[in-house]
Amino acid sequence: MIFIRDEPVHDEAEMAEYQRLNRERGSDGFDVKRLAFYGAADALEGPAPDGVVVLEFPSVEEARAWYQSPGYQAALQHRLKAATYRVIITEGV
């Protein structure tokens, strides 16, 4: 799963609440691994993102289940108010 933040955060309080909820709930029993978390990003093509997160799940189905879980959906409402993201689930190799 890839999270691309296109612009800087425009509501710090909402982002802080999103992060707090994610810390408290953790992965809620899902097998999730952080592969990239807001490290330096060098755009070779297209516009440079403000931030990128890459999460690994055992399957697309598990990634979708995590995203749709009550715990993440509660946090998501705050992220949507805080910043503009694109979120992509892609199948690995």
PDB file of N, CA and C in Angstrom:
ATOM      1  N   MET A   1       0.857  -1.156   0.000  1.00  0.00           N
ATOM      2  CA  MET A   1       0.000   0.000   0.000  1.00  0.00           C
ATOM      3  C   MET A   1       0.904   1.220   0.000  1.00  0.00           C
ATOM      4  N   ILE A   2       0.571   2.181  -0.847  1.00  0.00           N
ATOM      5  CA  ILE A   2       1.381   3.389  -0.990  1.00  0.00           C
ATOM      6  C   ILE A   2       0.525   4.601  -0.663  1.00  0.00           C
ATOM      7  N   PHE A   3       1.011   5.416   0.250  1.00  0.00           N
ATOM      8  CA  PHE A   3       0.377   6.688   0.607  1.00  0.00           C
ATOM      9  C   PHE A   3       1.257   7.789   0.041  1.00  0.00           C
ATOM     10  N   ILE A   4       0.691   8.658  -0.768  1.00  0.00           N
ATOM     11  CA  ILE A   4       1.438   9.783  -1.339  1.00  0.00           C
ATOM     12  C   ILE A   4       0.755  11.065  -0.884  1.00  0.00           C
ATOM     13  N   ARG A   5       1.483  11.860  -0.104  1.00  0.00           N
ATOM     14  CA  ARG A   5       0.949  13.163   0.312  1.00  0.00           C
ATOM     15  C   ARG A   5       1.417  14.177  -0.718  1.00  0.00           C
ATOM     16  N   ASP A   6       0.463  14.808  -1.372  1.00  0.00           N
ATOM     17  CA  ASP A   6       0.790  15.701  -2.480  1.00  0.00           C
ATOM     18  C   ASP A   6       1.235  17.088  -2.038  1.00  0.00           C
ATOM     19  N   GLU A   7       0.725  17.548  -0.912  1.00  0.00           N
ATOM     20  CA  GLU A   7       1.029  18.894  -0.432  1.00  0.00           C
ATOM     21  C   GLU A   7       1.300  18.839   1.068  1.00  0.00           C
ATOM     22  N   PRO A   8       1.916  19.869   1.619  1.00  0.00           N
ATOM     23  CA  PRO A   8       2.133  19.881   3.069  1.00  0.00           C
ATOM     24  C   PRO A   8       0.820  19.791   3.848  1.00  0.00           C
ATOM     25  N   VAL A   9       0.923  19.308   5.062  1.00  0.00           N
ATOM     26  CA  VAL A   9      -0.223  19.218   5.966  1.00  0.00           C
ATOM     27  C   VAL A   9      -0.800  20.612   6.164  1.00  0.00           C
ATOM     28  N   HIS A  10      -2.133  20.748   6.048  1.00  0.00           N
ATOM     29  CA  HIS A  10      -2.757  22.056   6.239  1.00  0.00           C
ATOM     30  C   HIS A  10      -3.535  22.151   7.554  1.00  0.00           C
ATOM     31  N   ASP A  11      -3.622  21.057   8.305  1.00  0.00           N
ATOM     32  CA  ASP A  11      -4.255  21.105   9.629  1.00  0.00           C
ATOM     33  C   ASP A  11      -3.449  20.195  10.568  1.00  0.00           C
ATOM     34  N   GLU A  12      -2.523  20.810  11.272  1.00  0.00           N
ATOM     35  CA  GLU A  12      -1.618  20.059  12.149  1.00  0.00           C
ATOM     36  C   GLU A  12      -2.354  19.335  13.273  1.00  0.00           C
ATOM     37  N   ALA A  13      -3.400  19.951  13.810  1.00  0.00           N
ATOM     38  CA  ALA A  13      -4.145  19.326  14.906  1.00  0.00           C
ATOM     39  C   ALA A  13      -4.832  18.041  14.430  1.00  0.00           C
ATOM     40  N   GLU A  14      -5.423  18.074  13.253  1.00  0.00           N
ATOM     41  CA  GLU A  14      -6.069  16.876  12.712  1.00  0.00           C
ATOM     42  C   GLU A  14      -5.032  15.789  12.413  1.00  0.00           C
ATOM     43  N   MET A  15      -3.871  16.180  11.908  1.00  0.00           N
ATOM     44  CA  MET A  15      -2.822  15.192  11.626  1.00  0.00           C
ATOM     45  C   MET A  15      -2.319  14.587  12.929  1.00  0.00           C
ATOM     46  N   ALA A  16      -2.183  15.392  13.956  1.00  0.00           N
ATOM     47  CA  ALA A  16      -1.744  14.868  15.249  1.00  0.00           C
ATOM     48  C   ALA A  16      -2.750  13.850  15.795  1.00  0.00           C
ATOM     49  N   GLU A  17      -4.039  14.110  15.617  1.00  0.00           N
ATOM     50  CA  GLU A  17      -5.061  13.175  16.081  1.00  0.00           C
ATOM     51  C   GLU A  17      -5.018  11.882  15.255  1.00  0.00           C
ATOM     52  N   TYR A  18      -4.827  11.990  13.967  1.00  0.00           N
ATOM     53  CA  TYR A  18      -4.670  10.817  13.098  1.00  0.00           C
ATOM     54  C   TYR A  18      -3.494   9.957  13.577  1.00  0.00           C
ATOM     55  N   GLN A  19      -2.373  10.594  13.832  1.00  0.00           N
ATOM     56  CA  GLN A  19      -1.183   9.875  14.281  1.00  0.00           C
ATOM     57  C   GLN A  19      -1.402   9.247  15.662  1.00  0.00           C
ATOM     58  N   ARG A  20      -2.056   9.954  16.549  1.00  0.00           N
ATOM     59  CA  ARG A  20      -2.336   9.426  17.882  1.00  0.00           C
ATOM     60  C   ARG A  20      -3.198   8.168  17.792  1.00  0.00           C
ATOM     61  N   LEU A  21      -4.254   8.239  17.005  1.00  0.00           N
ATOM     62  CA  LEU A  21      -5.138   7.081  16.860  1.00  0.00           C
ATOM     63  C   LEU A  21      -4.393   5.896  16.253  1.00  0.00           C
ATOM     64  N   ASN A  22      -3.541   6.155  15.287  1.00  0.00           N
ATOM     65  CA  ASN A  22      -2.760   5.069  14.677  1.00  0.00           C
ATOM     66  C   ASN A  22      -1.790   4.452  15.678  1.00  0.00           C
ATOM     67  N   ARG A  23      -1.168   5.276  16.513  1.00  0.00           N
ATOM     68  CA  ARG A  23      -0.256   4.748  17.537  1.00  0.00           C
ATOM     69  C   ARG A  23      -1.014   3.883  18.535  1.00  0.00           C
ATOM     70  N   GLU A  24      -2.165   4.373  18.971  1.00  0.00           N
ATOM     71  CA  GLU A  24      -2.950   3.641  19.970  1.00  0.00           C
ATOM     72  C   GLU A  24      -3.480   2.319  19.430  1.00  0.00           C
ATOM     73  N   ARG A  25      -3.945   2.322  18.221  1.00  0.00           N
ATOM     74  CA  ARG A  25      -4.543   1.113  17.655  1.00  0.00           C
ATOM     75  C   ARG A  25      -3.490   0.206  17.039  1.00  0.00           C
ATOM     76  N   GLY A  26      -2.321   0.772  16.746  1.00  0.00           N
ATOM     77  CA  GLY A  26      -1.284  -0.025  16.105  1.00  0.00           C
ATOM     78  C   GLY A  26      -1.794  -0.616  14.814  1.00  0.00           C
ATOM     79  N   SER A  27      -1.478  -1.843  14.581  1.00  0.00           N
ATOM     80  CA  SER A  27      -1.939  -2.494  13.355  1.00  0.00           C
ATOM     81  C   SER A  27      -3.217  -3.281  13.601  1.00  0.00           C
ATOM     82  N   ASP A  28      -3.764  -3.206  14.831  1.00  0.00           N
ATOM     83  CA  ASP A  28      -5.016  -3.889  15.168  1.00  0.00           C
ATOM     84  C   ASP A  28      -5.009  -5.360  14.778  1.00  0.00           C
ATOM     85  N   GLY A  29      -3.871  -6.021  14.988  1.00  0.00           N
ATOM     86  CA  GLY A  29      -3.790  -7.447  14.688  1.00  0.00           C
ATOM     87  C   GLY A  29      -3.462  -7.775  13.249  1.00  0.00           C
ATOM     88  N   PHE A  30      -3.322  -6.775  12.389  1.00  0.00           N
ATOM     89  CA  PHE A  30      -2.954  -7.014  10.997  1.00  0.00           C
ATOM     90  C   PHE A  30      -1.443  -7.143  10.881  1.00  0.00           C
ATOM     91  N   ASP A  31      -1.006  -7.939   9.944  1.00  0.00           N
ATOM     92  CA  ASP A  31       0.420  -8.142   9.684  1.00  0.00           C
ATOM     93  C   ASP A  31       0.876  -7.065   8.702  1.00  0.00           C
ATOM     94  N   VAL A  32       1.332  -5.933   9.237  1.00  0.00           N
ATOM     95  CA  VAL A  32       1.743  -4.801   8.408  1.00  0.00           C
ATOM     96  C   VAL A  32       3.194  -4.456   8.714  1.00  0.00           C
ATOM     97  N   LYS A  33       3.948  -4.180   7.657  1.00  0.00           N
ATOM     98  CA  LYS A  33       5.366  -3.841   7.804  1.00  0.00           C
ATOM     99  C   LYS A  33       5.619  -2.513   7.094  1.00  0.00           C
ATOM    100  N   ARG A  34       6.260  -1.576   7.798  1.00  0.00           N
ATOM    101  CA  ARG A  34       6.641  -0.293   7.186  1.00  0.00           C
ATOM    102  C   ARG A  34       7.884  -0.494   6.328  1.00  0.00           C
ATOM    103  N   LEU A  35       7.779  -0.160   5.068  1.00  0.00           N
ATOM    104  CA  LEU A  35       8.937  -0.236   4.171  1.00  0.00           C
ATOM    105  C   LEU A  35       9.542   1.142   3.917  1.00  0.00           C
ATOM    106  N   ALA A  36       8.702   2.166   3.919  1.00  0.00           N
ATOM    107  CA  ALA A  36       9.163   3.554   3.777  1.00  0.00           C
ATOM    108  C   ALA A  36       8.217   4.419   4.583  1.00  0.00           C
ATOM    109  N   PHE A  37       8.779   5.435   5.271  1.00  0.00           N
ATOM    110  CA  PHE A  37       7.951   6.273   6.127  1.00  0.00           C
ATOM    111  C   PHE A  37       8.486   7.699   6.113  1.00  0.00           C
ATOM    112  N   TYR A  38       8.026   8.486   5.162  1.00  0.00           N
ATOM    113  CA  TYR A  38       8.365   9.896   5.030  1.00  0.00           C
ATOM    114  C   TYR A  38       9.867  10.168   4.929  1.00  0.00           C
ATOM    115  N   GLY A  39      10.593   9.268   4.303  1.00  0.00           N
ATOM    116  CA  GLY A  39      12.011   9.510   4.046  1.00  0.00           C
ATOM    117  C   GLY A  39      12.170  10.455   2.862  1.00  0.00           C
ATOM    118  N   ALA A  40      13.399  10.797   2.568  1.00  0.00           N
ATOM    119  CA  ALA A  40      13.673  11.669   1.421  1.00  0.00           C
ATOM    120  C   ALA A  40      13.156  11.003   0.150  1.00  0.00           C
ATOM    121  N   ALA A  41      12.462  11.777  -0.671  1.00  0.00           N
ATOM    122  CA  ALA A  41      11.910  11.271  -1.933  1.00  0.00           C
ATOM    123  C   ALA A  41      12.449  12.119  -3.075  1.00  0.00           C
ATOM    124  N   ASP A  42      13.006  11.475  -4.073  1.00  0.00           N
ATOM    125  CA  ASP A  42      13.593  12.145  -5.229  1.00  0.00           C
ATOM    126  C   ASP A  42      12.716  11.844  -6.437  1.00  0.00           C
ATOM    127  N   ALA A  43      11.920  12.816  -6.870  1.00  0.00           N
ATOM    128  CA  ALA A  43      11.007  12.614  -7.997  1.00  0.00           C
ATOM    129  C   ALA A  43      11.795  12.630  -9.304  1.00  0.00           C
ATOM    130  N   LEU A  44      11.859  11.490  -9.949  1.00  0.00           N
ATOM    131  CA  LEU A  44      12.541  11.400 -11.237  1.00  0.00           C
ATOM    132  C   LEU A  44      11.614  11.761 -12.388  1.00  0.00           C
ATOM    133  N   GLU A  45      10.322  11.577 -12.195  1.00  0.00           N
ATOM    134  CA  GLU A  45       9.311  11.955 -13.184  1.00  0.00           C
ATOM    135  C   GLU A  45       8.101  12.483 -12.440  1.00  0.00           C
ATOM    136  N   GLY A  46       7.442  13.473 -12.986  1.00  0.00           N
ATOM    137  CA  GLY A  46       6.243  14.023 -12.367  1.00  0.00           C
ATOM    138  C   GLY A  46       6.575  14.899 -11.179  1.00  0.00           C
ATOM    139  N   PRO A  47       5.539  15.448 -10.572  1.00  0.00           N
ATOM    140  CA  PRO A  47       5.750  16.359  -9.441  1.00  0.00           C
ATOM    141  C   PRO A  47       6.262  15.624  -8.209  1.00  0.00           C
ATOM    142  N   ALA A  48       7.113  16.299  -7.464  1.00  0.00           N
ATOM    143  CA  ALA A  48       7.647  15.718  -6.232  1.00  0.00           C
ATOM    144  C   ALA A  48       6.553  15.657  -5.173  1.00  0.00           C
ATOM    145  N   PRO A  49       6.435  14.526  -4.471  1.00  0.00           N
ATOM    146  CA  PRO A  49       5.451  14.436  -3.390  1.00  0.00           C
ATOM    147  C   PRO A  49       5.977  15.147  -2.146  1.00  0.00           C
ATOM    148  N   ASP A  50       5.078  15.515  -1.260  1.00  0.00           N
ATOM    149  CA  ASP A  50       5.480  16.078   0.022  1.00  0.00           C
ATOM    150  C   ASP A  50       5.892  14.974   0.983  1.00  0.00           C
ATOM    151  N   GLY A  51       5.333  13.773   0.801  1.00  0.00           N
ATOM    152  CA  GLY A  51       5.673  12.650   1.659  1.00  0.00           C
ATOM    153  C   GLY A  51       5.166  11.350   1.085  1.00  0.00           C
ATOM    154  N   VAL A  52       5.858  10.262   1.417  1.00  0.00           N
ATOM    155  CA  VAL A  52       5.490   8.935   0.921  1.00  0.00           C
ATOM    156  C   VAL A  52       5.611   7.923   2.057  1.00  0.00           C
ATOM    157  N   VAL A  53       4.608   7.052   2.148  1.00  0.00           N
ATOM    158  CA  VAL A  53       4.628   5.926   3.077  1.00  0.00           C
ATOM    159  C   VAL A  53       4.353   4.673   2.255  1.00  0.00           C
ATOM    160  N   VAL A  54       5.142   3.626   2.477  1.00  0.00           N
ATOM    161  CA  VAL A  54       4.908   2.347   1.817  1.00  0.00           C
ATOM    162  C   VAL A  54       4.757   1.288   2.904  1.00  0.00           C
ATOM    163  N   LEU A  55       3.615   0.608   2.886  1.00  0.00           N
ATOM    164  CA  LEU A  55       3.329  -0.461   3.847  1.00  0.00           C
ATOM    165  C   LEU A  55       3.219  -1.778   3.095  1.00  0.00           C
ATOM    166  N   GLU A  56       3.722  -2.838   3.719  1.00  0.00           N
ATOM    167  CA  GLU A  56       3.640  -4.169   3.124  1.00  0.00           C
ATOM    168  C   GLU A  56       2.671  -5.023   3.927  1.00  0.00           C
ATOM    169  N   PHE A  57       1.795  -5.720   3.220  1.00  0.00           N
ATOM    170  CA  PHE A  57       0.841  -6.658   3.806  1.00  0.00           C
ATOM    171  C   PHE A  57       1.030  -8.006   3.121  1.00  0.00           C
ATOM    172  N   PRO A  58       0.605  -9.089   3.736  1.00  0.00           N
ATOM    173  CA  PRO A  58       0.739 -10.408   3.117  1.00  0.00           C
ATOM    174  C   PRO A  58      -0.039 -10.540   1.803  1.00  0.00           C
ATOM    175  N   SER A  59      -1.105  -9.748   1.650  1.00  0.00           N
ATOM    176  CA  SER A  59      -1.920  -9.845   0.436  1.00  0.00           C
ATOM    177  C   SER A  59      -2.673  -8.537   0.218  1.00  0.00           C
ATOM    178  N   VAL A  60      -3.172  -8.369  -0.989  1.00  0.00           N
ATOM    179  CA  VAL A  60      -4.021  -7.219  -1.302  1.00  0.00           C
ATOM    180  C   VAL A  60      -5.271  -7.251  -0.430  1.00  0.00           C
ATOM    181  N   GLU A  61      -5.800  -8.438  -0.218  1.00  0.00           N
ATOM    182  CA  GLU A  61      -7.008  -8.578   0.597  1.00  0.00           C
ATOM    183  C   GLU A  61      -6.773  -8.108   2.033  1.00  0.00           C
ATOM    184  N   GLU A  62      -5.620  -8.449   2.589  1.00  0.00           N
ATOM    185  CA  GLU A  62      -5.307  -8.017   3.953  1.00  0.00           C
ATOM    186  C   GLU A  62      -5.099  -6.506   4.010  1.00  0.00           C
ATOM    187  N   ALA A  63      -4.461  -5.932   2.993  1.00  0.00           N
ATOM    188  CA  ALA A  63      -4.285  -4.478   2.940  1.00  0.00           C
ATOM    189  C   ALA A  63      -5.640  -3.788   2.894  1.00  0.00           C
ATOM    190  N   ARG A  64      -6.532  -4.280   2.076  1.00  0.00           N
ATOM    191  CA  ARG A  64      -7.865  -3.699   1.958  1.00  0.00           C
ATOM    192  C   ARG A  64      -8.644  -3.853   3.278  1.00  0.00           C
ATOM    193  N   ALA A  65      -8.524  -5.013   3.911  1.00  0.00           N
ATOM    194  CA  ALA A  65      -9.207  -5.249   5.190  1.00  0.00           C
ATOM    195  C   ALA A  65      -8.694  -4.287   6.260  1.00  0.00           C
ATOM    196  N   TRP A  66      -7.379  -4.050   6.299  1.00  0.00           N
ATOM    197  CA  TRP A  66      -6.813  -3.091   7.260  1.00  0.00           C
ATOM    198  C   TRP A  66      -7.361  -1.700   6.995  1.00  0.00           C
ATOM    199  N   TYR A  67      -7.340  -1.280   5.723  1.00  0.00           N
ATOM    200  CA  TYR A  67      -7.813   0.059   5.358  1.00  0.00           C
ATOM    201  C   TYR A  67      -9.286   0.233   5.731  1.00  0.00           C
ATOM    202  N   GLN A  68     -10.076  -0.798   5.536  1.00  0.00           N
ATOM    203  CA  GLN A  68     -11.512  -0.726   5.795  1.00  0.00           C
ATOM    204  C   GLN A  68     -11.876  -1.055   7.249  1.00  0.00           C
ATOM    205  N   SER A  69     -10.902  -1.396   8.073  1.00  0.00           N
ATOM    206  CA  SER A  69     -11.168  -1.769   9.465  1.00  0.00           C
ATOM    207  C   SER A  69     -11.720  -0.569  10.252  1.00  0.00           C
ATOM    208  N   PRO A  70     -12.540  -0.835  11.258  1.00  0.00           N
ATOM    209  CA  PRO A  70     -13.088   0.255  12.078  1.00  0.00           C
ATOM    210  C   PRO A  70     -11.997   1.138  12.693  1.00  0.00           C
ATOM    211  N   GLY A  71     -10.909   0.531  13.135  1.00  0.00           N
ATOM    212  CA  GLY A  71      -9.828   1.310  13.738  1.00  0.00           C
ATOM    213  C   GLY A  71      -9.210   2.288  12.773  1.00  0.00           C
ATOM    214  N   TYR A  72      -8.887   1.822  11.557  1.00  0.00           N
ATOM    215  CA  TYR A  72      -8.278   2.740  10.596  1.00  0.00           C
ATOM    216  C   TYR A  72      -9.291   3.753  10.082  1.00  0.00           C
ATOM    217  N   GLN A  73     -10.520   3.342   9.886  1.00  0.00           N
ATOM    218  CA  GLN A  73     -11.540   4.276   9.410  1.00  0.00           C
ATOM    219  C   GLN A  73     -11.763   5.418  10.402  1.00  0.00           C
ATOM    220  N   ALA A  74     -11.653   5.140  11.693  1.00  0.00           N
ATOM    221  CA  ALA A  74     -11.777   6.203  12.703  1.00  0.00           C
ATOM    222  C   ALA A  74     -10.634   7.201  12.574  1.00  0.00           C
ATOM    223  N   ALA A  75      -9.427   6.715  12.342  1.00  0.00           N
ATOM    224  CA  ALA A  75      -8.267   7.600  12.175  1.00  0.00           C
ATOM    225  C   ALA A  75      -8.328   8.343  10.847  1.00  0.00           C
ATOM    226  N   LEU A  76      -8.767   7.654   9.812  1.00  0.00           N
ATOM    227  CA  LEU A  76      -8.801   8.215   8.460  1.00  0.00           C
ATOM    228  C   LEU A  76      -9.549   9.539   8.398  1.00  0.00           C
ATOM    229  N   GLN A  77     -10.628   9.649   9.128  1.00  0.00           N
ATOM    230  CA  GLN A  77     -11.422  10.887   9.093  1.00  0.00           C
ATOM    231  C   GLN A  77     -10.565  12.110   9.437  1.00  0.00           C
ATOM    232  N   HIS A  78      -9.582  11.934  10.300  1.00  0.00           N
ATOM    233  CA  HIS A  78      -8.696  13.036  10.683  1.00  0.00           C
ATOM    234  C   HIS A  78      -7.649  13.301   9.603  1.00  0.00           C
ATOM    235  N   ARG A  79      -7.143  12.245   8.979  1.00  0.00           N
ATOM    236  CA  ARG A  79      -6.166  12.451   7.898  1.00  0.00           C
ATOM    237  C   ARG A  79      -6.789  13.194   6.736  1.00  0.00           C
ATOM    238  N   LEU A  80      -8.033  12.861   6.420  1.00  0.00           N
ATOM    239  CA  LEU A  80      -8.712  13.527   5.307  1.00  0.00           C
ATOM    240  C   LEU A  80      -8.876  15.021   5.551  1.00  0.00           C
ATOM    241  N   LYS A  81      -9.009  15.421   6.803  1.00  0.00           N
ATOM    242  CA  LYS A  81      -9.117  16.844   7.145  1.00  0.00           C
ATOM    243  C   LYS A  81      -7.753  17.518   7.200  1.00  0.00           C
ATOM    244  N   ALA A  82      -6.703  16.729   7.367  1.00  0.00           N
ATOM    245  CA  ALA A  82      -5.366  17.279   7.611  1.00  0.00           C
ATOM    246  C   ALA A  82      -4.551  17.534   6.355  1.00  0.00           C
ATOM    247  N   ALA A  83      -4.722  16.683   5.334  1.00  0.00           N
ATOM    248  CA  ALA A  83      -3.850  16.777   4.160  1.00  0.00           C
ATOM    249  C   ALA A  83      -4.470  16.016   2.994  1.00  0.00           C
ATOM    250  N   THR A  84      -3.930  16.284   1.812  1.00  0.00           N
ATOM    251  CA  THR A  84      -4.387  15.618   0.592  1.00  0.00           C
ATOM    252  C   THR A  84      -3.430  14.471   0.271  1.00  0.00           C
ATOM    253  N   TYR A  85      -3.965  13.284   0.175  1.00  0.00           N
ATOM    254  CA  TYR A  85      -3.192  12.077  -0.116  1.00  0.00           C
ATOM    255  C   TYR A  85      -3.795  11.340  -1.302  1.00  0.00           C
ATOM    256  N   ARG A  86      -2.971  10.523  -1.914  1.00  0.00           N
ATOM    257  CA  ARG A  86      -3.427   9.465  -2.806  1.00  0.00           C
ATOM    258  C   ARG A  86      -3.013   8.161  -2.122  1.00  0.00           C
ATOM    259  N   VAL A  87      -3.886   7.175  -2.113  1.00  0.00           N
ATOM    260  CA  VAL A  87      -3.578   5.898  -1.487  1.00  0.00           C
ATOM    261  C   VAL A  87      -3.830   4.809  -2.515  1.00  0.00           C
ATOM    262  N   ILE A  88      -2.837   3.953  -2.690  1.00  0.00           N
ATOM    263  CA  ILE A  88      -2.864   2.933  -3.732  1.00  0.00           C
ATOM    264  C   ILE A  88      -2.552   1.590  -3.121  1.00  0.00           C
ATOM    265  N   ILE A  89      -3.344   0.591  -3.463  1.00  0.00           N
ATOM    266  CA  ILE A  89      -3.002  -0.787  -3.139  1.00  0.00           C
ATOM    267  C   ILE A  89      -2.504  -1.413  -4.434  1.00  0.00           C
ATOM    268  N   THR A  90      -1.339  -2.001  -4.381  1.00  0.00           N
ATOM    269  CA  THR A  90      -0.794  -2.664  -5.560  1.00  0.00           C
ATOM    270  C   THR A  90      -0.312  -4.039  -5.179  1.00  0.00           C
ATOM    271  N   GLU A  91      -0.441  -4.962  -6.083  1.00  0.00           N
ATOM    272  CA  GLU A  91      -0.018  -6.331  -5.846  1.00  0.00           C
ATOM    273  C   GLU A  91       1.504  -6.418  -5.972  1.00  0.00           C
ATOM    274  N   GLY A  92       2.134  -7.121  -5.069  1.00  0.00           N
ATOM    275  CA  GLY A  92       3.595  -7.305  -5.105  1.00  0.00           C
ATOM    276  C   GLY A  92       3.977  -8.438  -6.042  1.00  0.00           C
ATOM    277  N   VAL A  93       5.255  -8.734  -6.031  1.00  0.00           N
ATOM    278  CA  VAL A  93       5.757  -9.814  -6.880  1.00  0.00           C
ATOM    279  C   VAL A  93       6.009 -11.068  -6.046  1.00  0.00           C
TER     280      VAL A  93
END
